[in-house]
Protein backbone atom coordinates (compact mmCIF):
# COMPACT_ATOMS: atom_id res chain seq x y z
CA MET A 1 -51.43 -19.01 -14.51
CA ILE A 2 -50.02 -16.54 -11.92
CA MET A 3 -46.65 -18.18 -12.27
CA LYS A 4 -46.70 -17.86 -16.03
CA LYS A 5 -47.64 -13.97 -15.56
CA LYS A 6 -44.78 -13.61 -13.08
CA LEU A 7 -42.21 -15.32 -15.58
CA CYS A 8 -43.50 -13.25 -18.17
CA LEU A 9 -43.13 -10.08 -16.30
CA PHE A 10 -39.70 -11.15 -15.11
CA GLY A 11 -38.68 -11.69 -18.70
CA VAL A 12 -40.03 -8.25 -19.69
CA LEU A 13 -38.23 -6.44 -16.90
CA THR A 14 -34.95 -8.37 -17.73
CA LEU A 15 -35.13 -7.30 -21.37
CA LEU A 16 -35.76 -3.85 -20.21
CA ALA A 17 -32.96 -3.77 -17.89
CA PHE A 18 -30.67 -5.17 -20.51
CA THR A 19 -31.67 -2.55 -23.05
CA VAL A 20 -31.25 0.28 -20.32
CA THR A 21 -27.83 -1.18 -19.48
CA ILE A 22 -26.76 -0.98 -23.34
CA SER A 23 -28.07 2.48 -23.81
CA CYS A 24 -25.80 3.70 -20.97
CA GLY A 25 -22.79 2.82 -23.09
CA GLU A 26 -24.03 4.37 -26.33
CA TYR A 27 -21.71 5.66 -28.97
CA PRO A 28 -20.44 8.03 -30.31
CA LYS A 29 -18.34 8.94 -27.17
CA THR A 30 -16.68 12.47 -27.27
CA VAL A 31 -13.02 12.11 -26.80
CA LYS A 32 -11.17 15.48 -25.82
CA PRO A 33 -7.93 16.08 -27.64
CA VAL A 34 -5.26 17.89 -25.89
CA LEU A 35 -3.33 20.29 -28.13
CA VAL A 36 0.40 19.46 -28.42
CA ALA A 37 1.53 21.65 -31.26
CA GLU A 38 0.06 23.75 -34.29
CA GLY A 39 1.54 25.91 -36.85
CA ASP A 40 1.80 26.61 -40.58
CA ARG A 41 5.56 25.75 -41.39
CA PHE A 42 6.04 21.99 -40.73
CA GLY A 43 8.47 21.48 -43.52
CA GLY A 44 8.06 17.73 -43.67
CA GLY A 45 5.94 15.06 -45.23
CA ALA A 46 2.25 15.63 -45.46
CA GLY A 47 -0.43 13.15 -44.23
CA ASN A 48 -2.53 12.06 -41.34
CA PHE A 49 -0.73 10.10 -38.69
CA VAL A 50 -1.67 7.90 -35.64
CA ILE A 51 1.58 7.80 -33.42
CA LYS A 52 1.64 5.06 -30.95
CA THR A 53 5.35 4.52 -30.00
CA GLN A 54 8.19 6.66 -28.84
CA ALA A 55 10.11 5.86 -31.97
CA GLU A 56 7.38 7.23 -34.18
CA TRP A 57 7.13 10.31 -32.08
CA ASP A 58 10.88 10.83 -32.27
CA ASN A 59 10.81 10.64 -36.07
CA LEU A 60 7.91 13.23 -36.26
CA MET A 61 9.45 15.67 -33.84
CA CYS A 62 12.70 15.51 -35.68
CA PHE A 63 12.64 14.55 -39.43
CA ARG A 64 14.90 14.76 -42.32
CA SER A 65 13.73 16.40 -45.64
CA GLU A 66 15.21 17.31 -48.87
CA PHE A 67 16.08 21.04 -49.26
CA TRP A 68 15.94 23.03 -52.54
CA ASP A 69 19.46 22.16 -53.44
CA ASP A 70 18.88 18.34 -52.91
CA SER A 71 20.75 18.24 -49.55
CA MET A 72 19.05 16.68 -46.67
CA VAL A 73 18.03 18.86 -43.72
CA THR A 74 17.06 17.81 -40.24
CA THR A 75 14.12 19.88 -38.88
CA CYS A 76 12.95 19.64 -35.23
CA LEU A 77 9.60 21.02 -33.73
CA HIS A 78 10.30 23.18 -30.95
CA ASP A 79 6.92 24.60 -30.23
CA LEU A 80 5.47 21.40 -28.64
CA ALA A 81 3.38 22.00 -25.52
CA GLU A 82 4.51 18.51 -24.52
CA LYS A 83 7.46 16.40 -25.58
CA ASN A 84 7.28 13.43 -23.29
CA ILE A 85 4.34 11.34 -24.05
CA ASP A 86 3.35 8.36 -22.11
CA PHE A 87 2.33 5.96 -24.95
CA ASN A 88 0.88 3.53 -22.47
CA THR A 89 -1.78 6.02 -21.66
CA PHE A 90 -1.95 8.26 -24.84
CA GLN A 91 -1.53 8.25 -28.51
CA ILE A 92 -0.59 11.20 -30.81
CA ILE A 93 -2.79 12.29 -33.80
CA ALA A 94 -1.03 14.36 -36.29
CA VAL A 95 -2.71 16.11 -39.31
CA ILE A 96 -0.08 17.71 -41.59
CA ASP A 97 -1.28 19.24 -44.85
CA VAL A 98 0.62 19.66 -48.02
CA GLY A 99 2.40 22.78 -48.70
CA ARG A 100 0.08 25.51 -49.99
CA PRO A 101 0.48 28.93 -51.60
CA ASN A 102 -1.20 32.10 -50.14
CA TYR A 103 -0.35 32.17 -46.39
CA PRO A 104 -2.13 31.70 -44.12
CA TRP A 105 -3.86 28.22 -43.99
CA ARG A 106 -5.09 26.43 -40.97
CA ILE A 107 -5.87 22.87 -39.87
CA ASN A 108 -8.18 22.33 -37.07
CA ILE A 109 -9.17 19.04 -35.35
CA VAL A 110 -12.75 19.99 -34.42
CA SER A 111 -13.87 16.71 -32.82
CA VAL A 112 -12.68 13.24 -31.98
CA LYS A 113 -15.65 10.72 -31.69
CA GLU A 114 -15.16 7.02 -30.44
CA TYR A 115 -17.72 4.54 -32.00
CA SER A 116 -17.91 0.88 -31.22
CA ASP A 117 -15.44 0.02 -34.02
CA ASP A 118 -13.25 3.05 -34.51
CA ILE A 119 -12.43 6.60 -33.66
CA VAL A 120 -13.34 9.33 -36.10
CA ILE A 121 -11.22 12.47 -36.20
CA HIS A 122 -13.02 15.49 -37.88
CA ILE A 123 -10.87 17.97 -39.45
CA TYR A 124 -11.72 21.56 -40.66
CA MET A 125 -9.30 23.45 -42.98
CA ASP A 126 -9.53 27.01 -43.99
CA SER A 127 -7.59 30.09 -45.20
CA LYS A 128 -8.27 33.52 -44.35
CA ASN A 129 -7.50 36.23 -46.63
CA ALA A 130 -3.95 36.00 -47.98
CA ILE A 131 -1.60 38.16 -46.15
CA PHE A 132 1.49 36.83 -47.92
CA ASP A 133 2.07 35.18 -51.25
CA MET A 134 4.22 32.56 -49.78
CA ILE A 135 4.10 28.78 -49.13
CA THR A 136 2.80 27.45 -45.96
CA GLN A 137 2.26 23.79 -44.67
CA PRO A 138 -0.41 23.87 -41.81
CA TYR A 139 -0.32 21.24 -39.20
CA GLN A 140 -2.03 20.45 -35.92
CA ILE A 141 -0.82 17.69 -33.30
CA VAL A 142 -3.01 16.49 -30.45
CA LYS A 143 -2.94 13.58 -27.95
CA ILE A 144 -5.87 11.42 -27.09
CA PRO A 145 -6.18 8.36 -24.75
CA ALA A 146 -4.70 5.28 -26.16
CA ILE A 147 -7.68 3.43 -27.53
CA ALA A 148 -7.15 0.22 -29.32
CA LYS A 149 -9.26 0.96 -32.34
CA ASP A 150 -8.72 1.97 -35.94
CA VAL A 151 -8.57 5.82 -36.51
CA VAL A 152 -10.58 7.46 -39.38
CA PHE A 153 -9.81 10.95 -40.66
CA LYS A 154 -12.81 12.77 -42.01
CA TYR A 155 -12.41 16.34 -43.52
CA ILE A 156 -15.39 18.50 -42.98
CA ASN A 157 -14.38 20.73 -45.90
CA TYR A 158 -11.31 19.50 -47.53
CA ILE A 159 -10.02 22.00 -50.09
CA PRO A 160 -7.55 20.41 -52.60
CA PRO A 161 -4.31 22.12 -53.41
CA PRO A 162 -4.26 24.02 -56.81
CA VAL A 163 -3.99 21.72 -59.81
CA TRP A 164 -0.66 23.41 -60.83
CA TRP A 165 0.80 22.82 -57.27
């Protein structure tokens, strides 16, 4: 009888220890992004990008786009806080909005959360009172640790461009 009680107590303690061990690795985990670049005149294609190689990074830093007279123009980002990225350690997250009227618009990656199956990037966009009636294309580029999980982009308050745009 005493042996059964000890075995039962051992089983309960083992289960409790296993539960505590699991809870120590709870998700979500906050990932701190490091700002690489941000601005409002990107000039290239829009989208949400996960950059994991030097070739992809080179394509983002210097890209070719069509100019108003149908000629191709190469544009390079010069305001990067960091150009040399160790892709064994980090990956780049780039959020580039479409061109929008009524400057200024802003993109802000407000949080990066790692879950058991994926990484979720929370994005906030806003427009202050229009200063100029001109086209702007807001973007923000950050680096995060290289984590082998799918990346999901979630807008907290996505504002679609005007229908006529």
